[in-house]
Amino acid sequence: MKLKIHVRDIEETVEVASAEAGLRRFKQEAAKRAPFVVRLAINGMSDLAFAAEAVKRDNQANERNDPPPASAQAFLDWAVARGYVSVVEP
């Protein structure tokens, strides 16, 4: 599947084999652009913990109450619904 990630200064189109790979790539792109200490924290998290933290911070910033994702697919579905990811090719 081909995904386009567009969050703040991230504008990347990536090709991934699965939802898990898509979440991993989303995490890598976020870590790449984060300040050093934040990058250490992101890299220390599991992929699903990163997804839960991303949803939590988005909830705080936008006064929402979305539940943390239970899977990589749930995170990608959430990210598509919020406009952070677009599926270019399924």
PDB file of N, CA and C in Angstrom:
ATOM      1  N   MET A   1       0.847  -1.169   0.000  1.00  0.00           N
ATOM      2  CA  MET A   1       0.000   0.000   0.000  1.00  0.00           C
ATOM      3  C   MET A   1       0.892   1.230   0.000  1.00  0.00           C
ATOM      4  N   LYS A   2       0.419   2.273  -0.607  1.00  0.00           N
ATOM      5  CA  LYS A   2       1.168   3.521  -0.666  1.00  0.00           C
ATOM      6  C   LYS A   2       0.420   4.549   0.173  1.00  0.00           C
ATOM      7  N   LEU A   3       1.140   5.180   1.115  1.00  0.00           N
ATOM      8  CA  LEU A   3       0.556   6.163   2.020  1.00  0.00           C
ATOM      9  C   LEU A   3       1.239   7.506   1.838  1.00  0.00           C
ATOM     10  N   LYS A   4       0.489   8.561   2.028  1.00  0.00           N
ATOM     11  CA  LYS A   4       1.063   9.900   2.061  1.00  0.00           C
ATOM     12  C   LYS A   4       0.871  10.424   3.470  1.00  0.00           C
ATOM     13  N   ILE A   5       1.975  10.727   4.125  1.00  0.00           N
ATOM     14  CA  ILE A   5       1.960  11.258   5.486  1.00  0.00           C
ATOM     15  C   ILE A   5       2.071  12.764   5.394  1.00  0.00           C
ATOM     16  N   HIS A   6       1.140  13.469   6.024  1.00  0.00           N
ATOM     17  CA  HIS A   6       1.216  14.930   6.024  1.00  0.00           C
ATOM     18  C   HIS A   6       0.801  15.461   7.388  1.00  0.00           C
ATOM     19  N   VAL A   7       1.836  15.681   8.196  1.00  0.00           N
ATOM     20  CA  VAL A   7       1.675  16.222   9.538  1.00  0.00           C
ATOM     21  C   VAL A   7       2.721  17.310   9.700  1.00  0.00           C
ATOM     22  N   ARG A   8       2.255  18.504  10.051  1.00  0.00           N
ATOM     23  CA  ARG A   8       3.148  19.659  10.205  1.00  0.00           C
ATOM     24  C   ARG A   8       4.119  19.751   9.029  1.00  0.00           C
ATOM     25  N   ASP A   9       5.410  19.541   9.261  1.00  0.00           N
ATOM     26  CA  ASP A   9       6.394  19.682   8.177  1.00  0.00           C
ATOM     27  C   ASP A   9       6.680  18.360   7.471  1.00  0.00           C
ATOM     28  N   ILE A  10       5.956  17.305   7.802  1.00  0.00           N
ATOM     29  CA  ILE A  10       6.168  16.014   7.158  1.00  0.00           C
ATOM     30  C   ILE A  10       5.252  15.900   5.943  1.00  0.00           C
ATOM     31  N   GLU A  11       5.838  15.743   4.795  1.00  0.00           N
ATOM     32  CA  GLU A  11       5.119  15.503   3.541  1.00  0.00           C
ATOM     33  C   GLU A  11       5.854  14.385   2.823  1.00  0.00           C
ATOM     34  N   GLU A  12       5.552  13.155   3.199  1.00  0.00           N
ATOM     35  CA  GLU A  12       6.249  12.003   2.636  1.00  0.00           C
ATOM     36  C   GLU A  12       5.250  11.031   2.037  1.00  0.00           C
ATOM     37  N   THR A  13       5.584  10.469   0.905  1.00  0.00           N
ATOM     38  CA  THR A  13       4.824   9.376   0.330  1.00  0.00           C
ATOM     39  C   THR A  13       5.673   8.128   0.494  1.00  0.00           C
ATOM     40  N   VAL A  14       5.100   7.117   1.138  1.00  0.00           N
ATOM     41  CA  VAL A  14       5.847   5.904   1.451  1.00  0.00           C
ATOM     42  C   VAL A  14       5.080   4.682   0.968  1.00  0.00           C
ATOM     43  N   GLU A  15       5.808   3.664   0.597  1.00  0.00           N
ATOM     44  CA  GLU A  15       5.194   2.401   0.208  1.00  0.00           C
ATOM     45  C   GLU A  15       5.489   1.395   1.314  1.00  0.00           C
ATOM     46  N   VAL A  16       4.434   0.772   1.831  1.00  0.00           N
ATOM     47  CA  VAL A  16       4.570  -0.172   2.932  1.00  0.00           C
ATOM     48  C   VAL A  16       3.783  -1.439   2.611  1.00  0.00           C
ATOM     49  N   ALA A  17       4.188  -2.537   3.262  1.00  0.00           N
ATOM     50  CA  ALA A  17       3.557  -3.825   2.991  1.00  0.00           C
ATOM     51  C   ALA A  17       2.335  -4.080   3.863  1.00  0.00           C
ATOM     52  N   SER A  18       2.252  -3.397   5.016  1.00  0.00           N
ATOM     53  CA  SER A  18       1.169  -3.685   5.961  1.00  0.00           C
ATOM     54  C   SER A  18       0.889  -2.462   6.821  1.00  0.00           C
ATOM     55  N   ALA A  19      -0.175  -2.546   7.607  1.00  0.00           N
ATOM     56  CA  ALA A  19      -0.500  -1.462   8.541  1.00  0.00           C
ATOM     57  C   ALA A  19       0.608  -1.307   9.581  1.00  0.00           C
ATOM     58  N   GLU A  20       1.168  -2.422  10.016  1.00  0.00           N
ATOM     59  CA  GLU A  20       2.254  -2.370  11.001  1.00  0.00           C
ATOM     60  C   GLU A  20       3.458  -1.623  10.430  1.00  0.00           C
ATOM     61  N   ALA A  21       3.778  -1.889   9.188  1.00  0.00           N
ATOM     62  CA  ALA A  21       4.888  -1.197   8.532  1.00  0.00           C
ATOM     63  C   ALA A  21       4.557   0.282   8.344  1.00  0.00           C
ATOM     64  N   GLY A  22       3.293   0.586   8.074  1.00  0.00           N
ATOM     65  CA  GLY A  22       2.869   1.980   7.936  1.00  0.00           C
ATOM     66  C   GLY A  22       3.013   2.743   9.237  1.00  0.00           C
ATOM     67  N   LEU A  23       2.607   2.136  10.341  1.00  0.00           N
ATOM     68  CA  LEU A  23       2.768   2.769  11.658  1.00  0.00           C
ATOM     69  C   LEU A  23       4.243   2.957  11.971  1.00  0.00           C
ATOM     70  N   ARG A  24       5.048   1.940  11.699  1.00  0.00           N
ATOM     71  CA  ARG A  24       6.492   2.036  11.956  1.00  0.00           C
ATOM     72  C   ARG A  24       7.105   3.194  11.167  1.00  0.00           C
ATOM     73  N   ARG A  25       6.686   3.344   9.909  1.00  0.00           N
ATOM     74  CA  ARG A  25       7.221   4.418   9.069  1.00  0.00           C
ATOM     75  C   ARG A  25       6.765   5.784   9.563  1.00  0.00           C
ATOM     76  N   PHE A  26       5.503   5.886   9.987  1.00  0.00           N
ATOM     77  CA  PHE A  26       4.975   7.131  10.561  1.00  0.00           C
ATOM     78  C   PHE A  26       5.820   7.518  11.778  1.00  0.00           C
ATOM     79  N   LYS A  27       6.107   6.548  12.636  1.00  0.00           N
ATOM     80  CA  LYS A  27       6.923   6.775  13.828  1.00  0.00           C
ATOM     81  C   LYS A  27       8.333   7.225  13.447  1.00  0.00           C
ATOM     82  N   GLN A  28       8.924   6.556  12.459  1.00  0.00           N
ATOM     83  CA  GLN A  28      10.276   6.918  12.023  1.00  0.00           C
ATOM     84  C   GLN A  28      10.331   8.341  11.483  1.00  0.00           C
ATOM     85  N   GLU A  29       9.335   8.717  10.689  1.00  0.00           N
ATOM     86  CA  GLU A  29       9.313  10.075  10.126  1.00  0.00           C
ATOM     87  C   GLU A  29       9.156  11.117  11.237  1.00  0.00           C
ATOM     88  N   ALA A  30       8.327  10.823  12.227  1.00  0.00           N
ATOM     89  CA  ALA A  30       8.152  11.754  13.352  1.00  0.00           C
ATOM     90  C   ALA A  30       9.451  11.872  14.147  1.00  0.00           C
ATOM     91  N   ALA A  31      10.099  10.755  14.411  1.00  0.00           N
ATOM     92  CA  ALA A  31      11.343  10.768  15.187  1.00  0.00           C
ATOM     93  C   ALA A  31      12.448  11.516  14.449  1.00  0.00           C
ATOM     94  N   LYS A  32      12.505  11.342  13.137  1.00  0.00           N
ATOM     95  CA  LYS A  32      13.539  11.981  12.324  1.00  0.00           C
ATOM     96  C   LYS A  32      13.519  13.509  12.473  1.00  0.00           C
ATOM     97  N   ARG A  33      12.340  14.056  12.628  1.00  0.00           N
ATOM     98  CA  ARG A  33      12.192  15.514  12.667  1.00  0.00           C
ATOM     99  C   ARG A  33      12.076  16.083  14.072  1.00  0.00           C
ATOM    100  N   ALA A  34      12.083  15.232  15.083  1.00  0.00           N
ATOM    101  CA  ALA A  34      11.901  15.679  16.467  1.00  0.00           C
ATOM    102  C   ALA A  34      13.233  16.146  17.056  1.00  0.00           C
ATOM    103  N   PRO A  35      13.161  17.025  18.062  1.00  0.00           N
ATOM    104  CA  PRO A  35      14.385  17.395  18.789  1.00  0.00           C
ATOM    105  C   PRO A  35      15.003  16.144  19.427  1.00  0.00           C
ATOM    106  N   PHE A  36      16.278  16.227  19.744  1.00  0.00           N
ATOM    107  CA  PHE A  36      17.043  15.073  20.195  1.00  0.00           C
ATOM    108  C   PHE A  36      16.382  14.319  21.352  1.00  0.00           C
ATOM    109  N   VAL A  37      15.997  15.019  22.405  1.00  0.00           N
ATOM    110  CA  VAL A  37      15.426  14.353  23.580  1.00  0.00           C
ATOM    111  C   VAL A  37      14.089  13.699  23.237  1.00  0.00           C
ATOM    112  N   VAL A  38      13.282  14.364  22.427  1.00  0.00           N
ATOM    113  CA  VAL A  38      11.999  13.797  22.011  1.00  0.00           C
ATOM    114  C   VAL A  38      12.245  12.576  21.129  1.00  0.00           C
ATOM    115  N   ARG A  39      13.251  12.654  20.266  1.00  0.00           N
ATOM    116  CA  ARG A  39      13.600  11.524  19.404  1.00  0.00           C
ATOM    117  C   ARG A  39      13.969  10.304  20.235  1.00  0.00           C
ATOM    118  N   LEU A  40      14.730  10.526  21.311  1.00  0.00           N
ATOM    119  CA  LEU A  40      15.078   9.411  22.194  1.00  0.00           C
ATOM    120  C   LEU A  40      13.827   8.775  22.793  1.00  0.00           C
ATOM    121  N   ALA A  41      12.888   9.603  23.212  1.00  0.00           N
ATOM    122  CA  ALA A  41      11.646   9.081  23.793  1.00  0.00           C
ATOM    123  C   ALA A  41      10.843   8.303  22.748  1.00  0.00           C
ATOM    124  N   ILE A  42      10.715   8.859  21.550  1.00  0.00           N
ATOM    125  CA  ILE A  42       9.957   8.184  20.488  1.00  0.00           C
ATOM    126  C   ILE A  42      10.604   6.848  20.145  1.00  0.00           C
ATOM    127  N   ASN A  43      11.912   6.847  19.977  1.00  0.00           N
ATOM    128  CA  ASN A  43      12.604   5.612  19.609  1.00  0.00           C
ATOM    129  C   ASN A  43      12.556   4.568  20.716  1.00  0.00           C
ATOM    130  N   GLY A  44      12.359   4.997  21.953  1.00  0.00           N
ATOM    131  CA  GLY A  44      12.262   4.072  23.077  1.00  0.00           C
ATOM    132  C   GLY A  44      10.890   3.436  23.222  1.00  0.00           C
ATOM    133  N   MET A  45       9.907   3.934  22.492  1.00  0.00           N
ATOM    134  CA  MET A  45       8.536   3.417  22.584  1.00  0.00           C
ATOM    135  C   MET A  45       8.317   2.291  21.579  1.00  0.00           C
ATOM    136  N   SER A  46       7.401   1.400  21.935  1.00  0.00           N
ATOM    137  CA  SER A  46       6.947   0.433  20.942  1.00  0.00           C
ATOM    138  C   SER A  46       6.103   1.204  19.927  1.00  0.00           C
ATOM    139  N   ASP A  47       5.865   0.597  18.790  1.00  0.00           N
ATOM    140  CA  ASP A  47       5.070   1.268  17.764  1.00  0.00           C
ATOM    141  C   ASP A  47       3.664   1.582  18.271  1.00  0.00           C
ATOM    142  N   LEU A  48       3.056   0.649  18.976  1.00  0.00           N
ATOM    143  CA  LEU A  48       1.701   0.864  19.471  1.00  0.00           C
ATOM    144  C   LEU A  48       1.666   1.900  20.596  1.00  0.00           C
ATOM    145  N   ALA A  49       2.707   1.946  21.423  1.00  0.00           N
ATOM    146  CA  ALA A  49       2.791   2.979  22.466  1.00  0.00           C
ATOM    147  C   ALA A  49       2.924   4.354  21.817  1.00  0.00           C
ATOM    148  N   PHE A  50       3.709   4.444  20.740  1.00  0.00           N
ATOM    149  CA  PHE A  50       3.823   5.702  20.004  1.00  0.00           C
ATOM    150  C   PHE A  50       2.462   6.121  19.462  1.00  0.00           C
ATOM    151  N   ALA A  51       1.728   5.167  18.891  1.00  0.00           N
ATOM    152  CA  ALA A  51       0.406   5.466  18.340  1.00  0.00           C
ATOM    153  C   ALA A  51      -0.524   5.980  19.427  1.00  0.00           C
ATOM    154  N   ALA A  52      -0.507   5.329  20.591  1.00  0.00           N
ATOM    155  CA  ALA A  52      -1.359   5.768  21.703  1.00  0.00           C
ATOM    156  C   ALA A  52      -0.980   7.173  22.160  1.00  0.00           C
ATOM    157  N   GLU A  53       0.308   7.455  22.219  1.00  0.00           N
ATOM    158  CA  GLU A  53       0.767   8.793  22.637  1.00  0.00           C
ATOM    159  C   GLU A  53       0.381   9.844  21.602  1.00  0.00           C
ATOM    160  N   ALA A  54       0.483   9.509  20.325  1.00  0.00           N
ATOM    161  CA  ALA A  54       0.097  10.446  19.267  1.00  0.00           C
ATOM    162  C   ALA A  54      -1.386  10.788  19.370  1.00  0.00           C
ATOM    163  N   VAL A  55      -2.224   9.788  19.592  1.00  0.00           N
ATOM    164  CA  VAL A  55      -3.663  10.022  19.719  1.00  0.00           C
ATOM    165  C   VAL A  55      -3.951  10.844  20.968  1.00  0.00           C
ATOM    166  N   LYS A  56      -3.277  10.513  22.065  1.00  0.00           N
ATOM    167  CA  LYS A  56      -3.462  11.258  23.322  1.00  0.00           C
ATOM    168  C   LYS A  56      -3.118  12.737  23.143  1.00  0.00           C
ATOM    169  N   ARG A  57      -1.983  13.011  22.520  1.00  0.00           N
ATOM    170  CA  ARG A  57      -1.567  14.414  22.326  1.00  0.00           C
ATOM    171  C   ARG A  57      -2.494  15.148  21.359  1.00  0.00           C
ATOM    172  N   ASP A  58      -2.971  14.451  20.341  1.00  0.00           N
ATOM    173  CA  ASP A  58      -3.926  15.061  19.421  1.00  0.00           C
ATOM    174  C   ASP A  58      -5.233  15.362  20.150  1.00  0.00           C
ATOM    175  N   ASN A  59      -5.661  14.447  20.999  1.00  0.00           N
ATOM    176  CA  ASN A  59      -6.871  14.683  21.797  1.00  0.00           C
ATOM    177  C   ASN A  59      -6.718  15.925  22.657  1.00  0.00           C
ATOM    178  N   GLN A  60      -5.573  16.073  23.320  1.00  0.00           N
ATOM    179  CA  GLN A  60      -5.333  17.228  24.182  1.00  0.00           C
ATOM    180  C   GLN A  60      -5.308  18.520  23.373  1.00  0.00           C
ATOM    181  N   ALA A  61      -4.675  18.488  22.232  1.00  0.00           N
ATOM    182  CA  ALA A  61      -4.547  19.695  21.410  1.00  0.00           C
ATOM    183  C   ALA A  61      -5.872  20.114  20.780  1.00  0.00           C
ATOM    184  N   ASN A  62      -6.733  19.151  20.499  1.00  0.00           N
ATOM    185  CA  ASN A  62      -7.970  19.450  19.771  1.00  0.00           C
ATOM    186  C   ASN A  62      -9.234  19.191  20.570  1.00  0.00           C
ATOM    187  N   GLU A  63      -9.069  18.998  21.883  1.00  0.00           N
ATOM    188  CA  GLU A  63     -10.198  18.774  22.783  1.00  0.00           C
ATOM    189  C   GLU A  63     -11.124  17.670  22.274  1.00  0.00           C
ATOM    190  N   ARG A  64     -10.508  16.533  21.980  1.00  0.00           N
ATOM    191  CA  ARG A  64     -11.257  15.350  21.549  1.00  0.00           C
ATOM    192  C   ARG A  64     -11.097  14.268  22.608  1.00  0.00           C
ATOM    193  N   ASN A  65     -11.787  13.174  22.408  1.00  0.00           N
ATOM    194  CA  ASN A  65     -11.686  12.054  23.334  1.00  0.00           C
ATOM    195  C   ASN A  65     -11.627  10.734  22.559  1.00  0.00           C
ATOM    196  N   ASP A  66     -10.765  10.673  21.548  1.00  0.00           N
ATOM    197  CA  ASP A  66     -10.610   9.443  20.774  1.00  0.00           C
ATOM    198  C   ASP A  66      -9.888   8.401  21.628  1.00  0.00           C
ATOM    199  N   PRO A  67     -10.308   7.143  21.557  1.00  0.00           N
ATOM    200  CA  PRO A  67      -9.631   6.097  22.335  1.00  0.00           C
ATOM    201  C   PRO A  67      -8.274   5.761  21.722  1.00  0.00           C
ATOM    202  N   PRO A  68      -7.348   5.262  22.544  1.00  0.00           N
ATOM    203  CA  PRO A  68      -6.062   4.848  21.982  1.00  0.00           C
ATOM    204  C   PRO A  68      -6.269   3.669  21.039  1.00  0.00           C
ATOM    205  N   PRO A  69      -5.493   3.595  19.973  1.00  0.00           N
ATOM    206  CA  PRO A  69      -5.673   2.494  19.015  1.00  0.00           C
ATOM    207  C   PRO A  69      -5.239   1.166  19.613  1.00  0.00           C
ATOM    208  N   ALA A  70      -5.969   0.120  19.262  1.00  0.00           N
ATOM    209  CA  ALA A  70      -5.658  -1.228  19.744  1.00  0.00           C
ATOM    210  C   ALA A  70      -4.769  -1.990  18.767  1.00  0.00           C
ATOM    211  N   SER A  71      -4.572  -1.426  17.579  1.00  0.00           N
ATOM    212  CA  SER A  71      -3.749  -2.098  16.567  1.00  0.00           C
ATOM    213  C   SER A  71      -3.181  -1.049  15.614  1.00  0.00           C
ATOM    214  N   ALA A  72      -2.237  -1.490  14.799  1.00  0.00           N
ATOM    215  CA  ALA A  72      -1.660  -0.594  13.798  1.00  0.00           C
ATOM    216  C   ALA A  72      -2.727  -0.158  12.793  1.00  0.00           C
ATOM    217  N   GLN A  73      -3.601  -1.077  12.410  1.00  0.00           N
ATOM    218  CA  GLN A  73      -4.672  -0.737  11.464  1.00  0.00           C
ATOM    219  C   GLN A  73      -5.615   0.303  12.063  1.00  0.00           C
ATOM    220  N   ALA A  74      -5.918   0.167  13.351  1.00  0.00           N
ATOM    221  CA  ALA A  74      -6.785   1.144  14.024  1.00  0.00           C
ATOM    222  C   ALA A  74      -6.123   2.520  14.024  1.00  0.00           C
ATOM    223  N   PHE A  75      -4.796   2.560  14.221  1.00  0.00           N
ATOM    224  CA  PHE A  75      -4.086   3.842  14.187  1.00  0.00           C
ATOM    225  C   PHE A  75      -4.144   4.452  12.791  1.00  0.00           C
ATOM    226  N   LEU A  76      -3.887   3.651  11.769  1.00  0.00           N
ATOM    227  CA  LEU A  76      -3.943   4.188  10.406  1.00  0.00           C
ATOM    228  C   LEU A  76      -5.343   4.669  10.057  1.00  0.00           C
ATOM    229  N   ASP A  77      -6.371   3.933  10.482  1.00  0.00           N
ATOM    230  CA  ASP A  77      -7.746   4.373  10.249  1.00  0.00           C
ATOM    231  C   ASP A  77      -7.997   5.711  10.930  1.00  0.00           C
ATOM    232  N   TRP A  78      -7.516   5.843  12.155  1.00  0.00           N
ATOM    233  CA  TRP A  78      -7.651   7.108  12.897  1.00  0.00           C
ATOM    234  C   TRP A  78      -6.907   8.231  12.169  1.00  0.00           C
ATOM    235  N   ALA A  79      -5.664   7.961  11.747  1.00  0.00           N
ATOM    236  CA  ALA A  79      -4.850   8.978  11.076  1.00  0.00           C
ATOM    237  C   ALA A  79      -5.482   9.418   9.758  1.00  0.00           C
ATOM    238  N   VAL A  80      -6.089   8.496   9.025  1.00  0.00           N
ATOM    239  CA  VAL A  80      -6.782   8.844   7.783  1.00  0.00           C
ATOM    240  C   VAL A  80      -8.000   9.710   8.108  1.00  0.00           C
ATOM    241  N   ALA A  81      -8.759   9.321   9.132  1.00  0.00           N
ATOM    242  CA  ALA A  81      -9.962  10.082   9.514  1.00  0.00           C
ATOM    243  C   ALA A  81      -9.614  11.497   9.959  1.00  0.00           C
ATOM    244  N   ARG A  82      -8.462  11.669  10.580  1.00  0.00           N
ATOM    245  CA  ARG A  82      -8.038  12.993  11.064  1.00  0.00           C
ATOM    246  C   ARG A  82      -7.273  13.786  10.003  1.00  0.00           C
ATOM    247  N   GLY A  83      -6.969  13.180   8.874  1.00  0.00           N
ATOM    248  CA  GLY A  83      -6.288  13.889   7.801  1.00  0.00           C
ATOM    249  C   GLY A  83      -4.782  13.890   7.897  1.00  0.00           C
ATOM    250  N   TYR A  84      -4.202  13.054   8.742  1.00  0.00           N
ATOM    251  CA  TYR A  84      -2.748  12.978   8.890  1.00  0.00           C
ATOM    252  C   TYR A  84      -2.111  12.036   7.885  1.00  0.00           C
ATOM    253  N   VAL A  85      -2.903  11.140   7.340  1.00  0.00           N
ATOM    254  CA  VAL A  85      -2.428  10.155   6.360  1.00  0.00           C
ATOM    255  C   VAL A  85      -3.486  10.020   5.270  1.00  0.00           C
ATOM    256  N   SER A  86      -3.026   9.877   4.048  1.00  0.00           N
ATOM    257  CA  SER A  86      -3.916   9.566   2.935  1.00  0.00           C
ATOM    258  C   SER A  86      -3.449   8.259   2.317  1.00  0.00           C
ATOM    259  N   VAL A  87      -4.391   7.416   1.931  1.00  0.00           N
ATOM    260  CA  VAL A  87      -4.043   6.190   1.233  1.00  0.00           C
ATOM    261  C   VAL A  87      -4.027   6.516  -0.257  1.00  0.00           C
ATOM    262  N   VAL A  88      -2.833   6.463  -0.845  1.00  0.00           N
ATOM    263  CA  VAL A  88      -2.672   6.772  -2.257  1.00  0.00           C
ATOM    264  C   VAL A  88      -3.033   5.551  -3.088  1.00  0.00           C
ATOM    265  N   GLU A  89      -2.540   4.381  -2.661  1.00  0.00           N
ATOM    266  CA  GLU A  89      -2.851   3.116  -3.321  1.00  0.00           C
ATOM    267  C   GLU A  89      -3.068   2.068  -2.235  1.00  0.00           C
ATOM    268  N   PRO A  90      -4.209   1.377  -2.263  1.00  0.00           N
ATOM    269  CA  PRO A  90      -4.451   0.339  -1.236  1.00  0.00           C
ATOM    270  C   PRO A  90      -3.533  -0.860  -1.381  1.00  0.00           C
TER     271      PRO A  90
END
